[in-house]
Amino acid sequence: MRQRSAALLVVPLLAVGCTSTPAADAPPTEPSVVTPTREPTGDPTDARVSLGDLERSGPPRLAYVRDLVLHGTDGRLLRIRLGLRGQWGVTSLVADGDGYIATDDRWFEGTIGMHRLDGEGQAVASWTSTGPALAGPRGAAAWVSLVAPESGESGPTLLHAGGREQDIGPLISPVLAAHDGRTLTFTALQDGGRSYVRRGFTTDLVDPPERVPVPSTRTYASDGEHWWELRRWRLVIGGPDGEVAIRSRPFVQALGRPAWEDDSHLLVTVTHRRRQAIGRIDLDGTLSLASDWSPFDNAGFAFVTDHFPQIVR
């Protein structure tokens, strides 16, 4: 794999419950991902590309949300109405039944705002979560709901998928990693005696969660071979032919996460001089533009995919 790269905005999974805006140096947390194949043999080589002179490579082949409007690949538009006061945006959107599960860009100490939208884009329920929902088979998403600690109230922490839910009891701050329609894999903080430790678990939402190895932070394409992850302030794309690293600092500003457009292209929110655009990255690290530049927005672009993360053995 050739070693090329670009500076771009890559987004971690951040979270909410209050009315905060992201800081440019906010640390990345665990993406919705999948498991280890092999450990990297060494640091990938970085390369550079001028963001001010990127080529266009055609429109995105995924639907995406920008400025509370869902842009379909067929040109149709859907206005999203979250029912919030203020200029809040959508950071993720996942199909669930006849509607969607969305997150917004209010985040605070590991929690994030989440909404159920009907087919017309109207919010019909809202709650606090820990990150984006995961797409699932047959359009059945998985997500987390909880009561934000800073609210002064108490309530269960629940995992949801396919019309089922499970109270995970003493486990704290679960982050979903994979969803295959039968089981959910996630990490959560567990009392380790002297401190809480983040550990891996799996559950069928019927029996109690079971301990498993902590999932890696890789998000795989549907071919199960190519993946991306955030590593030391770089976006790393890897596969059977090796790895390429794209320097993200100081462009980690928006909250919309990268998404696999297909097995060989990754869509990202790329920022430059307080503007942003949809970027497309090839497996060799070549960065091109899939949209025009527009003013920077905290939410970035939320890409909509029906690919659901599964554990890759």
Protein backbone atom coordinates (compact mmCIF):
# COMPACT_ATOMS: atom_id res chain seq x y z
CA MET A 1 0.00 0.00 0.00
CA ARG A 2 1.45 3.37 -0.91
CA GLN A 3 2.04 5.74 1.97
CA ARG A 4 0.23 8.98 1.33
CA SER A 5 -1.85 11.14 3.58
CA ALA A 6 -3.61 14.38 4.38
CA ALA A 7 -4.53 16.57 7.26
CA LEU A 8 -8.21 16.23 7.90
CA LEU A 9 -10.96 16.36 10.38
CA VAL A 10 -11.68 13.06 11.87
CA VAL A 11 -14.19 12.68 14.57
CA PRO A 12 -14.19 10.74 17.74
CA LEU A 13 -17.25 9.53 19.50
CA LEU A 14 -18.03 12.31 21.94
CA ALA A 15 -20.98 12.68 24.19
CA VAL A 16 -23.62 14.86 25.78
CA GLY A 17 -26.47 15.63 28.02
CA CYS A 18 -25.72 19.28 28.63
CA THR A 19 -25.11 22.21 26.37
CA SER A 20 -21.41 22.12 25.64
CA THR A 21 -19.54 22.62 22.39
CA PRO A 22 -16.54 20.51 21.40
CA ALA A 23 -13.00 21.66 21.96
CA ALA A 24 -10.48 21.35 19.16
CA ASP A 25 -8.24 19.24 21.37
CA ALA A 26 -10.93 16.93 22.77
CA PRO A 27 -9.41 13.45 23.13
CA PRO A 28 -10.75 10.62 21.00
CA THR A 29 -12.82 7.95 22.71
CA GLU A 30 -13.96 4.53 21.59
CA PRO A 31 -15.58 4.38 18.16
CA SER A 32 -18.31 1.91 17.27
CA VAL A 33 -16.06 -0.81 16.00
CA VAL A 34 -14.98 -4.31 15.89
CA THR A 35 -12.41 -6.76 16.97
CA PRO A 36 -8.77 -7.38 16.56
CA THR A 37 -7.27 -9.30 13.67
CA ARG A 38 -3.57 -8.64 14.14
CA GLU A 39 -1.68 -5.95 15.96
CA PRO A 40 0.14 -3.34 13.85
CA THR A 41 3.76 -4.26 13.21
CA GLY A 42 4.96 -0.65 13.48
CA ASP A 43 3.99 2.94 13.04
CA PRO A 44 2.65 3.70 9.55
CA THR A 45 4.39 6.36 7.50
CA ASP A 46 2.73 9.77 7.37
CA ALA A 47 2.42 11.81 4.20
CA ARG A 48 1.09 15.28 3.46
CA VAL A 49 -1.39 16.81 1.03
CA SER A 50 -2.34 20.47 0.67
CA LEU A 51 -5.94 20.86 1.83
CA GLY A 52 -6.30 24.03 -0.22
CA ASP A 53 -5.77 22.19 -3.51
CA LEU A 54 -7.78 18.97 -3.37
CA GLU A 55 -9.31 17.36 -6.45
CA ARG A 56 -13.03 16.55 -6.73
CA SER A 57 -13.94 12.87 -7.01
CA GLY A 58 -17.72 12.83 -7.39
CA PRO A 59 -20.62 13.13 -4.93
CA PRO A 60 -20.84 10.86 -1.88
CA ARG A 61 -22.53 7.50 -2.39
CA LEU A 62 -23.95 7.57 1.14
CA ALA A 63 -26.81 9.69 2.41
CA TYR A 64 -25.67 12.34 4.88
CA VAL A 65 -27.02 15.00 7.23
CA ARG A 66 -25.91 18.61 7.02
CA ASP A 67 -27.64 21.58 8.72
CA LEU A 68 -30.49 19.33 9.94
CA VAL A 69 -31.28 18.18 6.40
CA LEU A 70 -30.91 14.55 5.31
CA HIS A 71 -29.53 14.46 1.76
CA GLY A 72 -30.47 11.20 0.05
CA THR A 73 -28.34 9.64 -2.66
CA ASP A 74 -31.32 10.06 -5.01
CA GLY A 75 -31.42 13.82 -4.41
CA ARG A 76 -34.36 13.79 -2.01
CA LEU A 77 -34.17 16.01 1.08
CA LEU A 78 -35.70 15.46 4.52
CA ARG A 79 -35.82 18.21 7.14
CA ILE A 80 -34.94 16.91 10.63
CA ARG A 81 -36.72 18.51 13.61
CA LEU A 82 -35.15 17.68 16.96
CA GLY A 83 -37.39 19.96 19.02
CA LEU A 84 -34.40 21.57 20.76
CA ARG A 85 -33.81 25.21 21.53
CA GLY A 86 -30.64 26.56 19.97
CA GLN A 87 -28.54 25.70 16.93
CA TRP A 88 -27.88 22.02 17.60
CA GLY A 89 -26.96 19.65 14.80
CA VAL A 90 -27.12 15.91 14.05
CA THR A 91 -23.90 13.94 14.56
CA SER A 92 -25.18 10.47 13.64
CA LEU A 93 -28.27 8.97 12.03
CA VAL A 94 -29.12 5.26 11.92
CA ALA A 95 -32.20 3.67 10.39
CA ASP A 96 -34.49 1.83 12.82
CA GLY A 97 -37.76 0.41 11.55
CA ASP A 98 -39.72 3.14 9.79
CA GLY A 99 -37.67 5.93 11.37
CA TYR A 100 -34.23 6.76 12.70
CA ILE A 101 -32.13 6.98 15.85
CA ALA A 102 -30.14 10.23 15.88
CA THR A 103 -27.58 11.89 18.15
CA ASP A 104 -26.97 15.62 18.44
CA ASP A 105 -23.92 17.73 19.27
CA ARG A 106 -24.75 18.39 22.92
CA TRP A 107 -22.17 16.43 24.88
CA PHE A 108 -20.88 16.38 28.42
CA GLU A 109 -18.55 14.00 30.27
CA GLY A 110 -19.31 10.86 28.28
CA THR A 111 -22.99 11.43 27.58
CA ILE A 112 -24.73 12.60 24.43
CA GLY A 113 -28.26 13.55 23.38
CA MET A 114 -30.22 10.91 21.44
CA HIS A 115 -33.60 11.01 19.67
CA ARG A 116 -36.04 8.71 17.94
CA LEU A 117 -37.25 10.27 14.69
CA ASP A 118 -40.29 9.19 12.72
CA GLY A 119 -40.20 8.73 8.95
CA GLU A 120 -40.86 12.44 8.47
CA GLY A 121 -37.80 13.47 10.47
CA GLN A 122 -39.72 14.62 13.56
CA ALA A 123 -38.35 13.73 17.02
CA VAL A 124 -40.92 11.67 18.92
CA ALA A 125 -38.75 10.77 21.94
CA SER A 126 -35.45 11.97 23.40
CA TRP A 127 -33.05 10.65 26.04
CA THR A 128 -29.39 10.54 27.05
CA SER A 129 -26.92 8.03 25.59
CA THR A 130 -23.19 7.36 25.43
CA GLY A 131 -22.64 7.46 21.67
CA PRO A 132 -24.15 6.75 18.26
CA ALA A 133 -26.59 3.91 17.69
CA LEU A 134 -25.35 0.96 15.65
CA ALA A 135 -27.05 -0.11 12.44
CA GLY A 136 -28.29 -3.69 12.53
CA PRO A 137 -29.61 -6.36 10.19
CA ARG A 138 -33.12 -5.87 8.83
CA GLY A 139 -33.07 -2.21 9.85
CA ALA A 140 -33.06 -2.92 13.60
CA ALA A 141 -30.65 -0.55 15.36
CA ALA A 142 -28.99 -0.95 18.76
CA TRP A 143 -28.44 1.87 21.25
CA VAL A 144 -27.89 2.82 24.90
CA SER A 145 -30.20 4.85 27.13
CA LEU A 146 -29.41 6.15 30.61
CA VAL A 147 -30.09 8.98 33.03
CA ALA A 148 -27.36 11.62 32.97
CA PRO A 149 -25.65 11.76 36.40
CA GLU A 150 -25.58 15.56 36.38
CA SER A 151 -29.40 15.64 36.14
CA GLY A 152 -29.66 14.78 39.84
CA GLU A 153 -32.03 11.93 38.97
CA SER A 154 -31.49 8.18 38.89
CA GLY A 155 -32.61 5.41 36.59
CA PRO A 156 -31.49 2.24 34.82
CA THR A 157 -28.81 2.00 32.14
CA LEU A 158 -30.39 0.04 29.29
CA LEU A 159 -29.19 -1.63 26.11
CA HIS A 160 -31.76 -1.72 23.28
CA ALA A 161 -31.93 -3.75 20.06
CA GLY A 162 -34.68 -5.23 17.91
CA GLY A 163 -37.50 -4.33 20.30
CA ARG A 164 -35.66 -5.84 23.29
CA GLU A 165 -33.92 -4.10 26.17
CA GLN A 166 -31.75 -5.09 29.11
CA ASP A 167 -30.80 -3.36 32.35
CA ILE A 168 -27.05 -3.91 32.75
CA GLY A 169 -27.15 -3.22 36.49
CA PRO A 170 -23.85 -2.22 38.07
CA LEU A 171 -22.01 -1.68 34.76
CA ILE A 172 -21.39 1.99 33.99
CA SER A 173 -21.07 4.03 30.80
CA PRO A 174 -21.51 1.28 28.18
CA VAL A 175 -20.19 1.95 24.68
CA LEU A 176 -21.50 -0.27 21.88
CA ALA A 177 -18.95 -2.01 19.68
CA ALA A 178 -20.79 -4.55 17.50
CA HIS A 179 -24.30 -5.75 16.74
CA ASP A 180 -25.15 -8.83 14.65
CA GLY A 181 -28.89 -8.99 15.31
CA ARG A 182 -28.52 -11.64 18.02
CA THR A 183 -25.86 -10.31 20.37
CA LEU A 184 -24.40 -6.96 21.34
CA THR A 185 -20.73 -6.49 22.11
CA PHE A 186 -19.84 -3.49 24.22
CA THR A 187 -17.41 -2.08 26.74
CA ALA A 188 -18.38 -0.70 30.14
CA LEU A 189 -16.82 0.43 33.39
CA GLN A 190 -16.90 -2.28 36.06
CA ASP A 191 -15.93 -2.01 39.71
CA GLY A 192 -12.43 -3.45 39.94
CA GLY A 193 -11.98 -2.95 43.67
CA ARG A 194 -9.71 0.06 43.90
CA SER A 195 -11.06 1.68 40.73
CA TYR A 196 -13.44 1.17 37.85
CA VAL A 197 -11.98 -0.68 34.86
CA ARG A 198 -13.29 -0.60 31.27
CA ARG A 199 -13.91 -4.18 30.16
CA GLY A 200 -15.50 -6.00 27.25
CA PHE A 201 -18.88 -7.75 27.39
CA THR A 202 -21.37 -9.49 25.15
CA THR A 203 -25.09 -10.07 25.70
CA ASP A 204 -28.14 -11.48 23.94
CA LEU A 205 -30.28 -9.07 26.00
CA VAL A 206 -31.80 -12.07 27.80
CA ASP A 207 -29.04 -13.58 29.94
CA PRO A 208 -26.66 -11.40 31.97
CA PRO A 209 -23.72 -9.89 30.02
CA GLU A 210 -20.63 -12.10 29.81
CA ARG A 211 -17.01 -10.96 29.90
CA VAL A 212 -15.11 -11.04 26.59
CA PRO A 213 -11.82 -9.49 25.47
CA VAL A 214 -12.03 -5.72 25.04
CA PRO A 215 -12.88 -5.01 21.38
CA SER A 216 -10.30 -3.15 19.35
CA THR A 217 -10.93 0.40 18.20
CA ARG A 218 -11.02 -0.62 14.55
CA THR A 219 -14.08 -0.07 12.39
CA TYR A 220 -14.15 -2.57 9.53
CA ALA A 221 -15.53 -2.23 6.03
CA SER A 222 -18.11 -4.79 4.93
CA ASP A 223 -15.35 -6.95 3.39
CA GLY A 224 -14.04 -7.64 6.91
CA GLU A 225 -10.48 -6.88 5.77
CA HIS A 226 -10.08 -3.11 5.66
CA TRP A 227 -10.49 -0.93 8.74
CA TRP A 228 -9.90 2.50 10.18
CA GLU A 229 -9.11 3.69 13.69
CA LEU A 230 -7.90 6.78 15.50
CA ARG A 231 -4.40 6.30 16.85
CA ARG A 232 -2.22 8.97 18.47
CA TRP A 233 -4.04 11.85 16.76
CA ARG A 234 -3.88 10.14 13.40
CA LEU A 235 -6.48 8.41 11.28
CA VAL A 236 -5.03 5.03 10.33
CA ILE A 237 -6.47 2.99 7.45
CA GLY A 238 -5.32 -0.61 7.26
CA GLY A 239 -5.82 -3.94 5.56
CA PRO A 240 -3.95 -6.94 4.17
CA ASP A 241 -1.55 -4.67 2.25
CA GLY A 242 -0.48 -2.59 5.25
CA GLU A 243 -1.41 0.71 6.87
CA VAL A 244 -1.49 4.38 5.96
CA ALA A 245 -1.75 7.21 8.51
CA ILE A 246 -3.39 10.58 7.97
CA ARG A 247 -2.49 13.33 10.41
CA SER A 248 -5.69 14.67 12.00
CA ARG A 249 -4.29 17.32 14.34
CA PRO A 250 -5.21 20.20 14.42
CA PHE A 251 -8.28 19.37 12.33
CA VAL A 252 -10.22 17.30 14.89
CA GLN A 253 -13.07 19.75 15.33
CA ALA A 254 -16.41 18.32 14.19
CA LEU A 255 -18.30 15.42 15.75
CA GLY A 256 -19.54 13.52 12.67
CA ARG A 257 -17.70 10.19 12.41
CA PRO A 258 -15.95 8.71 9.36
CA ALA A 259 -17.94 6.05 7.49
CA TRP A 260 -17.09 3.40 4.92
CA GLU A 261 -18.61 4.43 1.59
CA ASP A 262 -17.66 1.02 0.17
CA ASP A 263 -14.85 -1.46 0.79
CA SER A 264 -12.18 0.88 -0.56
CA HIS A 265 -13.30 4.44 0.28
CA LEU A 266 -13.81 6.22 3.59
CA LEU A 267 -15.94 9.37 3.88
CA VAL A 268 -14.90 11.98 6.46
CA THR A 269 -15.61 15.54 7.51
CA VAL A 270 -12.53 17.52 6.49
CA THR A 271 -11.97 21.06 7.78
CA HIS A 272 -9.75 23.88 6.56
CA ARG A 273 -9.70 27.52 7.66
CA ARG A 274 -13.10 27.39 9.40
CA ARG A 275 -14.69 25.64 6.45
CA GLN A 276 -15.60 22.01 6.00
CA ALA A 277 -16.38 19.58 3.21
CA ILE A 278 -16.98 15.88 2.67
CA GLY A 279 -13.67 14.17 2.04
CA ARG A 280 -13.11 10.80 0.38
CA ILE A 281 -10.03 8.77 1.30
CA ASP A 282 -8.76 5.86 -0.81
CA LEU A 283 -7.02 2.88 0.76
CA ASP A 284 -3.64 4.39 -0.14
CA GLY A 285 -4.45 7.57 1.79
CA THR A 286 -5.29 9.77 -1.20
CA LEU A 287 -7.73 12.47 -0.09
CA SER A 288 -10.19 14.12 -2.49
CA LEU A 289 -13.36 16.19 -2.09
CA ALA A 290 -16.86 14.75 -2.44
CA SER A 291 -18.63 18.10 -1.84
CA ASP A 292 -18.10 21.85 -1.97
CA TRP A 293 -16.65 23.72 0.98
CA SER A 294 -19.16 25.19 3.44
CA PRO A 295 -18.89 27.07 6.76
CA PHE A 296 -17.62 25.00 9.69
CA ASP A 297 -20.24 23.48 11.97
CA ASN A 298 -19.64 21.56 15.21
CA ALA A 299 -21.75 18.62 14.09
CA GLY A 300 -19.90 18.08 10.82
CA PHE A 301 -21.43 15.64 8.35
CA ALA A 302 -23.38 12.63 9.66
CA PHE A 303 -23.11 9.79 7.15
CA VAL A 304 -25.91 7.22 6.98
CA THR A 305 -24.96 3.62 6.28
CA ASP A 306 -26.76 0.31 6.64
CA HIS A 307 -23.48 -1.51 7.29
CA PHE A 308 -23.47 -2.83 10.83
CA PRO A 309 -20.26 -3.56 12.77
CA GLN A 310 -19.65 -7.21 13.46
CA ILE A 311 -16.88 -8.97 15.32
CA VAL A 312 -14.16 -10.01 12.89
CA ARG A 313 -12.34 -13.12 14.07
